Amino acid sequence: MTVPDKIWLFRITHVDNLSHILKYGLITEHSKHKNKHFRQIGDKSIIDYRKDLDAPIPPGGKFTEYVPFYLGPRSPMLYQIATGWEDIEKINQEEIVYIVSSFDKIREHELEFFFSDGHARSDTSTKYNQKKHFPKLDWDAIYATQWRSDARDLRRQMKKQSEFLVKKHVPVACFEYLGVYDAAAHKKVLALVDSVGLTLEVRIDPKTLYYDFL
């Protein structure tokens, strides 16, 4: 698979966080608008570990100064959340909302970024900060529906988790659409969008974005 014509950016969050996000955009814990009632999802140990990491290349700073996205949908982390893998809190996929942006939007708003060819916290992942380096990523792995590593590709699962990190803030104007699991989630999320006076597509797409077989 070559570099997609449009490079999508995928971030998942709990629906309880959406009202705040629609008001302030995607922010970091350093923002003056930090959500005091933010509902965390995912592996807390990874989140805590990243707090002390330095961004390896310009624009520099700490990982906590960045808003992370995955470059592909249906991340291993979503699977772990949906199944309650090990000690991760199990959350129904109906409660998980995708905030979908694109590289075009990030560039249009002149935001600082870097991206990686695997999980950004890993020392084995290479980091980049220029568009010309997108061909270095394994886009087949990024968009794979069967992503577990095996003898044919020992890094497939790592590459599936390739990340795009934006420094400090991603404004709502950078959102392309919101993705939801089903009609009930669509109704709830659309009401939240309407309540803040935004015009933003809410897309039901369980097969592309979620693990609809669970």
N, C-alpha and C. Protein backbone atom coordinates (compact mmCIF):
# COMPACT_ATOMS: atom_id res chain seq x y z
N MET A 1 0.85 -1.20 0.00
CA MET A 1 0.00 0.00 0.00
C MET A 1 0.88 1.25 0.00
N THR A 2 0.62 2.14 -0.93
CA THR A 2 1.35 3.41 -0.97
C THR A 2 0.75 4.40 0.02
N VAL A 3 1.38 5.55 0.14
CA VAL A 3 0.86 6.59 1.03
C VAL A 3 -0.54 6.98 0.56
N PRO A 4 -1.54 6.98 1.44
CA PRO A 4 -2.89 7.35 1.02
C PRO A 4 -2.94 8.77 0.46
N ASP A 5 -3.87 9.00 -0.47
CA ASP A 5 -4.05 10.35 -1.02
C ASP A 5 -4.38 11.35 0.08
N LYS A 6 -5.17 10.89 1.04
CA LYS A 6 -5.48 11.72 2.20
C LYS A 6 -5.04 10.97 3.45
N ILE A 7 -4.23 11.61 4.26
CA ILE A 7 -3.74 10.99 5.48
C ILE A 7 -4.66 11.37 6.63
N TRP A 8 -5.41 10.38 7.09
CA TRP A 8 -6.36 10.59 8.18
C TRP A 8 -5.66 10.41 9.52
N LEU A 9 -6.18 11.10 10.52
CA LEU A 9 -5.65 11.01 11.89
C LEU A 9 -6.79 10.62 12.81
N PHE A 10 -6.60 9.60 13.64
CA PHE A 10 -7.67 9.02 14.44
C PHE A 10 -7.34 9.11 15.93
N ARG A 11 -8.25 9.70 16.67
CA ARG A 11 -8.12 9.74 18.13
C ARG A 11 -9.42 9.24 18.74
N ILE A 12 -9.31 8.39 19.77
CA ILE A 12 -10.51 7.89 20.44
C ILE A 12 -10.60 8.50 21.83
N THR A 13 -11.85 8.69 22.27
CA THR A 13 -12.09 9.24 23.60
C THR A 13 -13.43 8.72 24.10
N HIS A 14 -13.66 8.86 25.39
CA HIS A 14 -14.96 8.49 25.94
C HIS A 14 -15.96 9.58 25.62
N VAL A 15 -17.19 9.20 25.35
CA VAL A 15 -18.22 10.18 25.00
C VAL A 15 -18.42 11.21 26.11
N ASP A 16 -18.11 10.86 27.35
CA ASP A 16 -18.25 11.82 28.46
C ASP A 16 -17.31 13.02 28.31
N ASN A 17 -16.26 12.87 27.53
CA ASN A 17 -15.30 13.96 27.33
C ASN A 17 -15.67 14.88 26.17
N LEU A 18 -16.68 14.49 25.41
CA LEU A 18 -16.91 15.15 24.13
C LEU A 18 -17.37 16.60 24.25
N SER A 19 -18.24 16.90 25.19
CA SER A 19 -18.72 18.28 25.34
C SER A 19 -17.56 19.25 25.55
N HIS A 20 -16.63 18.87 26.40
CA HIS A 20 -15.46 19.71 26.66
C HIS A 20 -14.59 19.84 25.41
N ILE A 21 -14.41 18.75 24.69
CA ILE A 21 -13.59 18.76 23.48
C ILE A 21 -14.22 19.64 22.41
N LEU A 22 -15.53 19.59 22.27
CA LEU A 22 -16.20 20.41 21.27
C LEU A 22 -16.12 21.89 21.59
N LYS A 23 -15.88 22.20 22.83
CA LYS A 23 -15.75 23.61 23.26
C LYS A 23 -14.32 24.10 23.12
N TYR A 24 -13.36 23.28 23.53
CA TYR A 24 -11.96 23.73 23.61
C TYR A 24 -11.02 23.06 22.61
N GLY A 25 -11.50 22.08 21.87
CA GLY A 25 -10.61 21.31 21.01
C GLY A 25 -9.87 20.25 21.80
N LEU A 26 -8.93 19.60 21.16
CA LEU A 26 -8.08 18.61 21.83
C LEU A 26 -6.89 19.33 22.44
N ILE A 27 -6.72 19.18 23.74
CA ILE A 27 -5.69 19.92 24.47
C ILE A 27 -4.84 18.95 25.28
N THR A 28 -3.77 19.47 25.85
CA THR A 28 -2.91 18.66 26.70
C THR A 28 -3.19 18.97 28.17
N GLU A 29 -2.56 18.21 29.04
CA GLU A 29 -2.78 18.40 30.47
C GLU A 29 -2.20 19.73 30.97
N HIS A 30 -1.41 20.40 30.15
CA HIS A 30 -0.81 21.67 30.54
C HIS A 30 -1.72 22.86 30.21
N SER A 31 -2.80 22.62 29.51
CA SER A 31 -3.67 23.72 29.07
C SER A 31 -4.42 24.34 30.24
N LYS A 32 -4.67 25.63 30.15
CA LYS A 32 -5.48 26.31 31.17
C LYS A 32 -6.93 25.85 31.10
N HIS A 33 -7.29 25.19 30.00
CA HIS A 33 -8.66 24.68 29.83
C HIS A 33 -8.75 23.19 30.15
N LYS A 34 -7.77 22.66 30.84
CA LYS A 34 -7.75 21.23 31.17
C LYS A 34 -9.06 20.79 31.79
N ASN A 35 -9.57 19.67 31.33
CA ASN A 35 -10.83 19.11 31.81
C ASN A 35 -10.60 18.40 33.15
N LYS A 36 -11.12 18.97 34.22
CA LYS A 36 -10.93 18.39 35.55
C LYS A 36 -11.71 17.09 35.73
N HIS A 37 -12.66 16.87 34.84
CA HIS A 37 -13.49 15.65 34.94
C HIS A 37 -13.21 14.70 33.77
N PHE A 38 -12.03 14.83 33.17
CA PHE A 38 -11.67 14.01 32.02
C PHE A 38 -11.73 12.52 32.37
N ARG A 39 -12.40 11.75 31.54
CA ARG A 39 -12.49 10.30 31.75
C ARG A 39 -11.43 9.61 30.91
N GLN A 40 -10.45 9.06 31.59
CA GLN A 40 -9.33 8.40 30.92
C GLN A 40 -9.73 7.01 30.45
N ILE A 41 -9.27 6.66 29.27
CA ILE A 41 -9.45 5.30 28.75
C ILE A 41 -8.09 4.76 28.34
N GLY A 42 -7.97 3.45 28.32
CA GLY A 42 -6.73 2.85 27.85
C GLY A 42 -5.80 2.42 28.97
N ASP A 43 -4.57 2.20 28.60
CA ASP A 43 -3.56 1.65 29.51
C ASP A 43 -2.91 2.77 30.31
N LYS A 44 -3.27 2.90 31.57
CA LYS A 44 -2.76 3.98 32.41
C LYS A 44 -1.24 3.90 32.56
N SER A 45 -0.68 2.71 32.57
CA SER A 45 0.77 2.57 32.74
C SER A 45 1.52 3.20 31.57
N ILE A 46 0.98 3.04 30.36
CA ILE A 46 1.61 3.66 29.18
C ILE A 46 1.48 5.17 29.25
N ILE A 47 0.29 5.64 29.63
CA ILE A 47 0.06 7.08 29.75
C ILE A 47 1.03 7.69 30.75
N ASP A 48 1.19 7.03 31.90
CA ASP A 48 2.10 7.54 32.94
C ASP A 48 3.55 7.49 32.47
N TYR A 49 3.91 6.42 31.78
CA TYR A 49 5.29 6.27 31.31
C TYR A 49 5.67 7.39 30.34
N ARG A 50 4.74 7.77 29.48
CA ARG A 50 5.03 8.78 28.47
C ARG A 50 5.22 10.17 29.08
N LYS A 51 4.75 10.38 30.30
CA LYS A 51 4.85 11.71 30.91
C LYS A 51 6.30 12.18 31.04
N ASP A 52 7.22 11.25 31.22
CA ASP A 52 8.62 11.62 31.44
C ASP A 52 9.46 11.58 30.16
N LEU A 53 8.83 11.25 29.04
CA LEU A 53 9.59 11.10 27.80
C LEU A 53 9.77 12.44 27.10
N ASP A 54 10.95 12.63 26.54
CA ASP A 54 11.22 13.80 25.71
C ASP A 54 10.84 13.50 24.27
N ALA A 55 10.24 14.48 23.61
CA ALA A 55 10.02 14.35 22.17
C ALA A 55 11.39 14.28 21.50
N PRO A 56 11.63 13.29 20.67
CA PRO A 56 12.98 13.01 20.20
C PRO A 56 13.52 13.95 19.13
N ILE A 57 12.64 14.65 18.45
CA ILE A 57 13.06 15.53 17.36
C ILE A 57 12.23 16.81 17.43
N PRO A 58 12.65 17.87 16.70
CA PRO A 58 11.82 19.08 16.67
C PRO A 58 10.40 18.74 16.23
N PRO A 59 9.39 19.39 16.82
CA PRO A 59 9.45 20.61 17.63
C PRO A 59 9.83 20.44 19.10
N GLY A 60 10.22 19.26 19.54
CA GLY A 60 10.79 19.08 20.88
C GLY A 60 9.80 19.19 22.01
N GLY A 61 10.34 19.25 23.23
CA GLY A 61 9.51 19.29 24.42
C GLY A 61 9.25 17.90 24.97
N LYS A 62 8.25 17.79 25.83
CA LYS A 62 7.85 16.52 26.43
C LYS A 62 6.67 15.92 25.67
N PHE A 63 6.52 14.60 25.78
CA PHE A 63 5.38 13.93 25.16
C PHE A 63 4.05 14.50 25.67
N THR A 64 4.04 14.94 26.92
CA THR A 64 2.80 15.47 27.50
C THR A 64 2.39 16.80 26.88
N GLU A 65 3.24 17.38 26.05
CA GLU A 65 2.91 18.62 25.36
C GLU A 65 2.23 18.35 24.01
N TYR A 66 1.96 17.09 23.72
CA TYR A 66 1.43 16.72 22.42
C TYR A 66 0.07 16.02 22.54
N VAL A 67 -0.75 16.22 21.51
CA VAL A 67 -2.00 15.48 21.36
C VAL A 67 -1.73 14.33 20.38
N PRO A 68 -1.84 13.08 20.83
CA PRO A 68 -1.51 11.95 19.96
C PRO A 68 -2.72 11.44 19.17
N PHE A 69 -2.45 11.08 17.94
CA PHE A 69 -3.41 10.40 17.06
C PHE A 69 -2.77 9.12 16.56
N TYR A 70 -3.60 8.15 16.21
CA TYR A 70 -3.13 7.03 15.41
C TYR A 70 -3.30 7.38 13.94
N LEU A 71 -2.44 6.82 13.09
CA LEU A 71 -2.54 7.06 11.66
C LEU A 71 -3.51 6.10 10.98
N GLY A 72 -3.97 5.11 11.70
CA GLY A 72 -4.96 4.18 11.17
C GLY A 72 -6.05 3.90 12.18
N PRO A 73 -7.20 3.36 11.74
CA PRO A 73 -8.30 3.03 12.65
C PRO A 73 -8.10 1.66 13.29
N ARG A 74 -9.00 1.32 14.20
CA ARG A 74 -9.04 -0.01 14.83
C ARG A 74 -7.71 -0.37 15.47
N SER A 75 -7.26 0.49 16.37
CA SER A 75 -5.97 0.28 17.02
C SER A 75 -6.01 -0.91 17.98
N PRO A 76 -4.87 -1.51 18.25
CA PRO A 76 -4.80 -2.53 19.30
C PRO A 76 -5.31 -2.01 20.64
N MET A 77 -5.09 -0.73 20.93
CA MET A 77 -5.56 -0.17 22.19
C MET A 77 -7.09 -0.21 22.27
N LEU A 78 -7.77 0.10 21.17
CA LEU A 78 -9.23 0.02 21.18
C LEU A 78 -9.68 -1.40 21.46
N TYR A 79 -9.00 -2.38 20.87
CA TYR A 79 -9.34 -3.78 21.13
C TYR A 79 -9.18 -4.11 22.61
N GLN A 80 -8.10 -3.63 23.21
CA GLN A 80 -7.86 -3.89 24.63
C GLN A 80 -8.92 -3.23 25.51
N ILE A 81 -9.35 -2.04 25.13
CA ILE A 81 -10.41 -1.34 25.88
C ILE A 81 -11.72 -2.10 25.74
N ALA A 82 -12.04 -2.52 24.52
CA ALA A 82 -13.31 -3.18 24.26
C ALA A 82 -13.41 -4.55 24.93
N THR A 83 -12.27 -5.19 25.16
CA THR A 83 -12.26 -6.53 25.75
C THR A 83 -11.86 -6.53 27.22
N GLY A 84 -11.41 -5.38 27.73
CA GLY A 84 -10.93 -5.34 29.11
C GLY A 84 -9.67 -6.16 29.29
N TRP A 85 -8.76 -6.05 28.34
CA TRP A 85 -7.53 -6.85 28.33
C TRP A 85 -6.69 -6.56 29.57
N GLU A 86 -6.26 -7.61 30.24
CA GLU A 86 -5.46 -7.52 31.46
C GLU A 86 -6.13 -6.57 32.46
N ASP A 87 -5.44 -5.49 32.87
CA ASP A 87 -6.02 -4.62 33.90
C ASP A 87 -6.61 -3.33 33.33
N ILE A 88 -6.86 -3.31 32.03
CA ILE A 88 -7.46 -2.13 31.39
C ILE A 88 -8.97 -2.16 31.61
N GLU A 89 -9.53 -1.01 31.97
CA GLU A 89 -10.97 -0.93 32.19
C GLU A 89 -11.72 -1.24 30.90
N LYS A 90 -12.67 -2.18 30.99
CA LYS A 90 -13.47 -2.53 29.83
C LYS A 90 -14.56 -1.50 29.62
N ILE A 91 -14.65 -0.99 28.40
CA ILE A 91 -15.66 0.02 28.06
C ILE A 91 -16.33 -0.42 26.76
N ASN A 92 -17.65 -0.37 26.73
CA ASN A 92 -18.39 -0.72 25.52
C ASN A 92 -18.01 0.23 24.39
N GLN A 93 -17.89 -0.32 23.20
CA GLN A 93 -17.49 0.50 22.06
C GLN A 93 -18.52 1.58 21.73
N GLU A 94 -19.75 1.36 22.12
CA GLU A 94 -20.79 2.37 21.91
C GLU A 94 -20.47 3.68 22.64
N GLU A 95 -19.63 3.60 23.67
CA GLU A 95 -19.27 4.78 24.46
C GLU A 95 -17.98 5.45 23.96
N ILE A 96 -17.35 4.85 22.96
CA ILE A 96 -16.10 5.38 22.43
C ILE A 96 -16.38 6.18 21.16
N VAL A 97 -15.87 7.40 21.12
CA VAL A 97 -16.06 8.29 19.98
C VAL A 97 -14.71 8.53 19.30
N TYR A 98 -14.72 8.47 17.99
CA TYR A 98 -13.55 8.84 17.21
C TYR A 98 -13.59 10.33 16.88
N ILE A 99 -12.48 11.01 17.10
CA ILE A 99 -12.29 12.36 16.60
C ILE A 99 -11.30 12.24 15.45
N VAL A 100 -11.77 12.53 14.25
CA VAL A 100 -10.97 12.28 13.06
C VAL A 100 -10.54 13.60 12.44
N SER A 101 -9.25 13.76 12.31
CA SER A 101 -8.67 14.92 11.65
C SER A 101 -7.90 14.43 10.43
N SER A 102 -7.06 15.27 9.87
CA SER A 102 -6.26 14.88 8.71
C SER A 102 -4.97 15.69 8.69
N PHE A 103 -3.98 15.16 8.00
CA PHE A 103 -2.74 15.91 7.84
C PHE A 103 -2.99 17.23 7.13
N ASP A 104 -3.91 17.24 6.18
CA ASP A 104 -4.24 18.49 5.48
C ASP A 104 -4.69 19.57 6.45
N LYS A 105 -5.53 19.20 7.41
CA LYS A 105 -6.03 20.18 8.38
C LYS A 105 -4.91 20.67 9.30
N ILE A 106 -4.05 19.77 9.72
CA ILE A 106 -2.94 20.16 10.59
C ILE A 106 -2.01 21.13 9.86
N ARG A 107 -1.75 20.85 8.62
CA ARG A 107 -0.88 21.72 7.82
C ARG A 107 -1.55 23.06 7.54
N GLU A 108 -2.85 23.02 7.24
CA GLU A 108 -3.60 24.25 6.97
C GLU A 108 -3.54 25.21 8.16
N HIS A 109 -3.58 24.67 9.37
CA HIS A 109 -3.55 25.50 10.58
C HIS A 109 -2.13 25.71 11.12
N GLU A 110 -1.15 25.26 10.35
CA GLU A 110 0.27 25.49 10.67
C GLU A 110 0.63 25.02 12.07
N LEU A 111 0.15 23.82 12.42
CA LEU A 111 0.45 23.25 13.73
C LEU A 111 1.75 22.45 13.66
N GLU A 112 2.46 22.40 14.78
CA GLU A 112 3.71 21.65 14.86
C GLU A 112 3.42 20.18 15.15
N PHE A 113 4.23 19.29 14.62
CA PHE A 113 3.96 17.86 14.74
C PHE A 113 5.22 17.04 14.54
N PHE A 114 5.13 15.78 14.94
CA PHE A 114 6.04 14.74 14.46
C PHE A 114 5.25 13.44 14.38
N PHE A 115 5.78 12.45 13.67
CA PHE A 115 5.08 11.17 13.56
C PHE A 115 6.10 10.04 13.63
N SER A 116 5.58 8.83 13.82
CA SER A 116 6.46 7.68 14.06
C SER A 116 6.02 6.49 13.22
N ASP A 117 6.96 5.57 12.98
CA ASP A 117 6.64 4.37 12.20
C ASP A 117 6.27 3.19 13.08
N GLY A 118 5.90 3.47 14.31
CA GLY A 118 5.43 2.48 15.27
C GLY A 118 4.94 3.23 16.49
N HIS A 119 4.67 2.53 17.57
CA HIS A 119 4.25 3.20 18.80
C HIS A 119 5.30 4.24 19.17
N ALA A 120 4.86 5.49 19.39
CA ALA A 120 5.81 6.60 19.55
C ALA A 120 6.69 6.46 20.79
N ARG A 121 6.24 5.71 21.79
CA ARG A 121 7.04 5.58 23.01
C ARG A 121 8.19 4.59 22.85
N SER A 122 8.17 3.81 21.78
CA SER A 122 9.15 2.74 21.61
C SER A 122 10.47 3.27 21.05
N ASP A 123 11.57 2.80 21.61
CA ASP A 123 12.89 3.16 21.10
C ASP A 123 13.15 2.55 19.73
N THR A 124 12.38 1.54 19.37
CA THR A 124 12.58 0.90 18.06
C THR A 124 11.84 1.61 16.95
N SER A 125 11.01 2.59 17.29
CA SER A 125 10.27 3.36 16.28
C SER A 125 11.09 4.57 15.86
N THR A 126 11.09 4.84 14.56
CA THR A 126 11.77 6.02 14.03
C THR A 126 10.78 7.17 13.96
N LYS A 127 11.24 8.37 14.32
CA LYS A 127 10.38 9.55 14.33
C LYS A 127 10.76 10.48 13.19
N TYR A 128 9.73 11.14 12.64
CA TYR A 128 9.91 12.04 11.51
C TYR A 128 9.10 13.32 11.73
N ASN A 129 9.46 14.39 11.01
CA ASN A 129 8.69 15.62 11.13
C ASN A 129 8.50 16.34 9.79
N GLN A 130 8.64 15.58 8.69
CA GLN A 130 8.44 16.17 7.37
C GLN A 130 7.57 15.25 6.52
N LYS A 131 6.71 15.88 5.72
CA LYS A 131 5.79 15.14 4.86
C LYS A 131 6.51 14.14 3.96
N LYS A 132 7.68 14.49 3.50
CA LYS A 132 8.41 13.64 2.55
C LYS A 132 8.76 12.28 3.12
N HIS A 133 8.63 12.14 4.46
CA HIS A 133 8.99 10.87 5.10
C HIS A 133 7.80 9.92 5.27
N PHE A 134 6.59 10.33 4.88
CA PHE A 134 5.44 9.43 5.00
C PHE A 134 5.64 8.11 4.26
N PRO A 135 6.33 8.07 3.11
CA PRO A 135 6.54 6.78 2.43
C PRO A 135 7.37 5.79 3.24
N LYS A 136 8.06 6.23 4.26
CA LYS A 136 8.85 5.34 5.09
C LYS A 136 7.99 4.49 6.03
N LEU A 137 6.72 4.86 6.19
CA LEU A 137 5.82 4.13 7.07
C LEU A 137 5.22 2.93 6.35
N ASP A 138 4.87 1.91 7.11
CA ASP A 138 4.26 0.70 6.55
C ASP A 138 2.75 0.87 6.58
N TRP A 139 2.21 1.39 5.48
CA TRP A 139 0.77 1.70 5.45
C TRP A 139 -0.09 0.44 5.39
N ASP A 140 0.45 -0.66 4.89
CA ASP A 140 -0.29 -1.92 4.94
C ASP A 140 -0.53 -2.33 6.39
N ALA A 141 0.49 -2.20 7.23
CA ALA A 141 0.34 -2.53 8.65
C ALA A 141 -0.58 -1.53 9.35
N ILE A 142 -0.46 -0.26 9.01
CA ILE A 142 -1.26 0.78 9.66
C ILE A 142 -2.75 0.55 9.43
N TYR A 143 -3.11 0.07 8.24
CA TYR A 143 -4.52 -0.16 7.92
C TYR A 143 -4.93 -1.63 8.00
N ALA A 144 -4.05 -2.47 8.53
CA ALA A 144 -4.36 -3.90 8.62
C ALA A 144 -5.52 -4.17 9.57
N THR A 145 -6.38 -5.09 9.20
CA THR A 145 -7.44 -5.53 10.11
C THR A 145 -6.96 -6.71 10.96
N GLN A 146 -6.01 -7.46 10.44
CA GLN A 146 -5.36 -8.53 11.21
C GLN A 146 -3.93 -8.05 11.48
N TRP A 147 -3.69 -7.57 12.69
CA TRP A 147 -2.45 -6.84 12.95
C TRP A 147 -1.49 -7.53 13.92
N ARG A 148 -1.81 -8.72 14.37
CA ARG A 148 -0.90 -9.37 15.31
C ARG A 148 0.42 -9.73 14.62
N SER A 149 1.51 -9.55 15.34
CA SER A 149 2.82 -9.91 14.81
C SER A 149 2.95 -11.42 14.68
N ASP A 150 3.71 -11.87 13.69
CA ASP A 150 3.98 -13.30 13.52
C ASP A 150 5.36 -13.44 12.88
N ALA A 151 5.70 -14.64 12.48
CA ALA A 151 7.03 -14.90 11.93
C ALA A 151 7.28 -14.11 10.64
N ARG A 152 6.23 -13.79 9.92
CA ARG A 152 6.39 -13.04 8.68
C ARG A 152 6.69 -11.57 8.93
N ASP A 153 6.22 -11.05 10.05
CA ASP A 153 6.47 -9.63 10.38
C ASP A 153 6.42 -9.49 11.90
N LEU A 154 7.58 -9.45 12.51
CA LEU A 154 7.66 -9.39 13.97
C LEU A 154 7.27 -8.02 14.53
N ARG A 155 7.20 -7.00 13.67
CA ARG A 155 6.85 -5.65 14.13
C ARG A 155 5.47 -5.20 13.65
N ARG A 156 4.67 -6.10 13.12
CA ARG A 156 3.39 -5.68 12.54
C ARG A 156 2.52 -4.96 13.56
N GLN A 157 2.38 -5.52 14.76
CA GLN A 157 1.52 -4.88 15.76
C GLN A 157 2.08 -3.52 16.17
N MET A 158 3.39 -3.40 16.27
CA MET A 158 4.01 -2.12 16.60
C MET A 158 3.74 -1.10 15.49
N LYS A 159 3.89 -1.52 14.23
CA LYS A 159 3.70 -0.60 13.11
C LYS A 159 2.23 -0.20 12.96
N LYS A 160 1.33 -1.10 13.32
CA LYS A 160 -0.09 -0.77 13.32
C LYS A 160 -0.37 0.46 14.18
N GLN A 161 0.44 0.65 15.22
CA GLN A 161 0.23 1.73 16.17
C GLN A 161 1.03 3.00 15.84
N SER A 162 1.41 3.16 14.58
CA SER A 162 2.12 4.37 14.16
C SER A 162 1.31 5.60 14.55
N GLU A 163 2.01 6.61 15.07
CA GLU A 163 1.34 7.77 15.64
C GLU A 163 1.70 9.07 14.93
N PHE A 164 0.80 10.03 15.09
CA PHE A 164 1.00 11.41 14.62
C PHE A 164 0.69 12.30 15.81
N LEU A 165 1.67 13.07 16.27
CA LEU A 165 1.52 13.86 17.50
C LEU A 165 1.59 15.35 17.18
N VAL A 166 0.60 16.09 17.68
CA VAL A 166 0.47 17.52 17.40
C VAL A 166 0.76 18.29 18.68
N LYS A 167 1.60 19.29 18.57
CA LYS A 167 2.03 20.03 19.76
C LYS A 167 0.94 20.97 20.27
N LYS A 168 0.67 20.85 21.57
CA LYS A 168 -0.14 21.76 22.39
C LYS A 168 -1.65 21.67 22.19
N HIS A 169 -2.15 21.77 20.94
CA HIS A 169 -3.59 21.99 20.78
C HIS A 169 -4.02 21.65 19.36
N VAL A 170 -5.15 20.98 19.26
CA VAL A 170 -5.78 20.75 17.96
C VAL A 170 -7.17 21.38 18.01
N PRO A 171 -7.38 22.51 17.35
CA PRO A 171 -8.68 23.20 17.42
C PRO A 171 -9.78 22.40 16.73
N VAL A 172 -11.00 22.69 17.11
CA VAL A 172 -12.16 22.01 16.53
C VAL A 172 -12.19 22.19 15.01
N ALA A 173 -11.67 23.30 14.53
CA ALA A 173 -11.64 23.56 13.09
C ALA A 173 -10.84 22.51 12.33
N CYS A 174 -10.01 21.75 13.04
CA CYS A 174 -9.23 20.68 12.41
C CYS A 174 -9.98 19.35 12.36
N PHE A 175 -11.14 19.27 12.98
CA PHE A 175 -11.89 18.01 12.99
C PHE A 175 -12.57 17.82 11.63
N GLU A 176 -12.38 16.66 11.04
CA GLU A 176 -13.05 16.33 9.78
C GLU A 176 -14.43 15.73 10.04
N TYR A 177 -14.49 14.80 10.99
CA TYR A 177 -15.77 14.21 11.37
C TYR A 177 -15.60 13.47 12.69
N LEU A 178 -16.73 13.09 13.28
CA LEU A 178 -16.74 12.24 14.47
C LEU A 178 -17.27 10.87 14.07
N GLY A 179 -16.63 9.83 14.56
CA GLY A 179 -17.06 8.48 14.25
C GLY A 179 -17.69 7.81 15.45
N VAL A 180 -18.79 7.09 15.21
CA VAL A 180 -19.49 6.40 16.30
C VAL A 180 -19.84 4.98 15.88
N TYR A 181 -20.22 4.18 16.88
CA TYR A 181 -20.43 2.75 16.67
C TYR A 181 -21.79 2.42 16.08
N ASP A 182 -22.85 3.08 16.57
CA ASP A 182 -24.19 2.69 16.16
C ASP A 182 -25.15 3.88 16.19
N ALA A 183 -26.42 3.61 15.87
CA ALA A 183 -27.42 4.67 15.77
C ALA A 183 -27.67 5.37 17.10
N ALA A 184 -27.65 4.62 18.19
CA ALA A 184 -27.86 5.23 19.50
C ALA A 184 -26.74 6.20 19.84
N ALA A 185 -25.50 5.80 19.55
CA ALA A 185 -24.36 6.69 19.78
C ALA A 185 -24.43 7.90 18.86
N HIS A 186 -24.88 7.69 17.63
CA HIS A 186 -25.02 8.79 16.68
C HIS A 186 -26.00 9.84 17.21
N LYS A 187 -27.11 9.40 17.71
CA LYS A 187 -28.12 10.32 18.25
C LYS A 187 -27.56 11.13 19.41
N LYS A 188 -26.86 10.47 20.30
CA LYS A 188 -26.29 11.15 21.47
C LYS A 188 -25.22 12.15 21.08
N VAL A 189 -24.32 11.74 20.21
CA VAL A 189 -23.21 12.61 19.80
C VAL A 189 -23.71 13.78 18.96
N LEU A 190 -24.65 13.52 18.08
CA LEU A 190 -25.20 14.60 17.26
C LEU A 190 -25.87 15.65 18.13
N ALA A 191 -26.55 15.22 19.19
CA ALA A 191 -27.17 16.18 20.12
C ALA A 191 -26.12 17.04 20.81
N LEU A 192 -24.97 16.44 21.16
CA LEU A 192 -23.89 17.21 21.77
C LEU A 192 -23.31 18.22 20.79
N VAL A 193 -23.17 17.82 19.54
CA VAL A 193 -22.67 18.74 18.51
C VAL A 193 -23.64 19.89 18.31
N ASP A 194 -24.91 19.57 18.22
CA ASP A 194 -25.93 20.61 18.04
C ASP A 194 -25.98 21.57 19.22
N SER A 195 -25.75 21.05 20.42
CA SER A 195 -25.87 21.88 21.63
C SER A 195 -24.82 22.98 21.70
N VAL A 196 -23.70 22.81 20.99
CA VAL A 196 -22.66 23.85 20.98
C VAL A 196 -22.66 24.63 19.67
N GLY A 197 -23.67 24.39 18.84
CA GLY A 197 -23.83 25.17 17.63
C GLY A 197 -22.84 24.87 16.52
N LEU A 198 -22.32 23.64 16.50
CA LEU A 198 -21.35 23.28 15.47
C LEU A 198 -22.01 22.54 14.32
N THR A 199 -21.40 22.64 13.16
CA THR A 199 -21.78 21.82 12.02
C THR A 199 -20.64 20.84 11.78
N LEU A 200 -20.83 19.62 12.21
CA LEU A 200 -19.77 18.61 12.15
C LEU A 200 -20.40 17.26 11.88
N GLU A 201 -19.93 16.59 10.86
CA GLU A 201 -20.49 15.30 10.50
C GLU A 201 -20.26 14.27 11.61
N VAL A 202 -21.29 13.48 11.88
CA VAL A 202 -21.18 12.35 12.80
C VAL A 202 -21.46 11.10 11.97
N ARG A 203 -20.48 10.24 11.86
CA ARG A 203 -20.53 9.13 10.92
C ARG A 203 -20.61 7.80 11.67
N ILE A 204 -21.62 6.99 11.35
CA ILE A 204 -21.72 5.63 11.89
C ILE A 204 -20.88 4.71 11.01
N ASP A 205 -19.86 4.08 11.59
CA ASP A 205 -18.97 3.24 10.78
C ASP A 205 -18.35 2.13 11.63
N PRO A 206 -19.17 1.17 12.06
CA PRO A 206 -18.64 0.12 12.96
C PRO A 206 -17.61 -0.79 12.31
N LYS A 207 -17.71 -1.02 11.01
CA LYS A 207 -16.81 -1.97 10.36
C LYS A 207 -15.41 -1.40 10.15
N THR A 208 -15.33 -0.11 9.80
CA THR A 208 -14.03 0.50 9.54
C THR A 208 -13.33 0.94 10.82
N LEU A 209 -14.11 1.47 11.77
CA LEU A 209 -13.52 2.11 12.94
C LEU A 209 -13.48 1.24 14.18
N TYR A 210 -14.36 0.24 14.26
CA TYR A 210 -14.53 -0.52 15.50
C TYR A 210 -14.35 -2.02 15.26
N TYR A 211 -14.31 -2.76 16.36
CA TYR A 211 -14.27 -4.22 16.30
C TYR A 211 -15.70 -4.72 16.40
N ASP A 212 -16.40 -4.70 15.26
CA ASP A 212 -17.83 -4.98 15.26
C ASP A 212 -18.15 -6.45 15.48
N PHE A 213 -17.12 -7.30 15.50
CA PHE A 213 -17.35 -8.73 15.71
C PHE A 213 -17.36 -9.12 17.19
N LEU A 214 -17.02 -8.19 18.07
CA LEU A 214 -16.96 -8.51 19.50
C LEU A 214 -18.35 -8.58 20.11
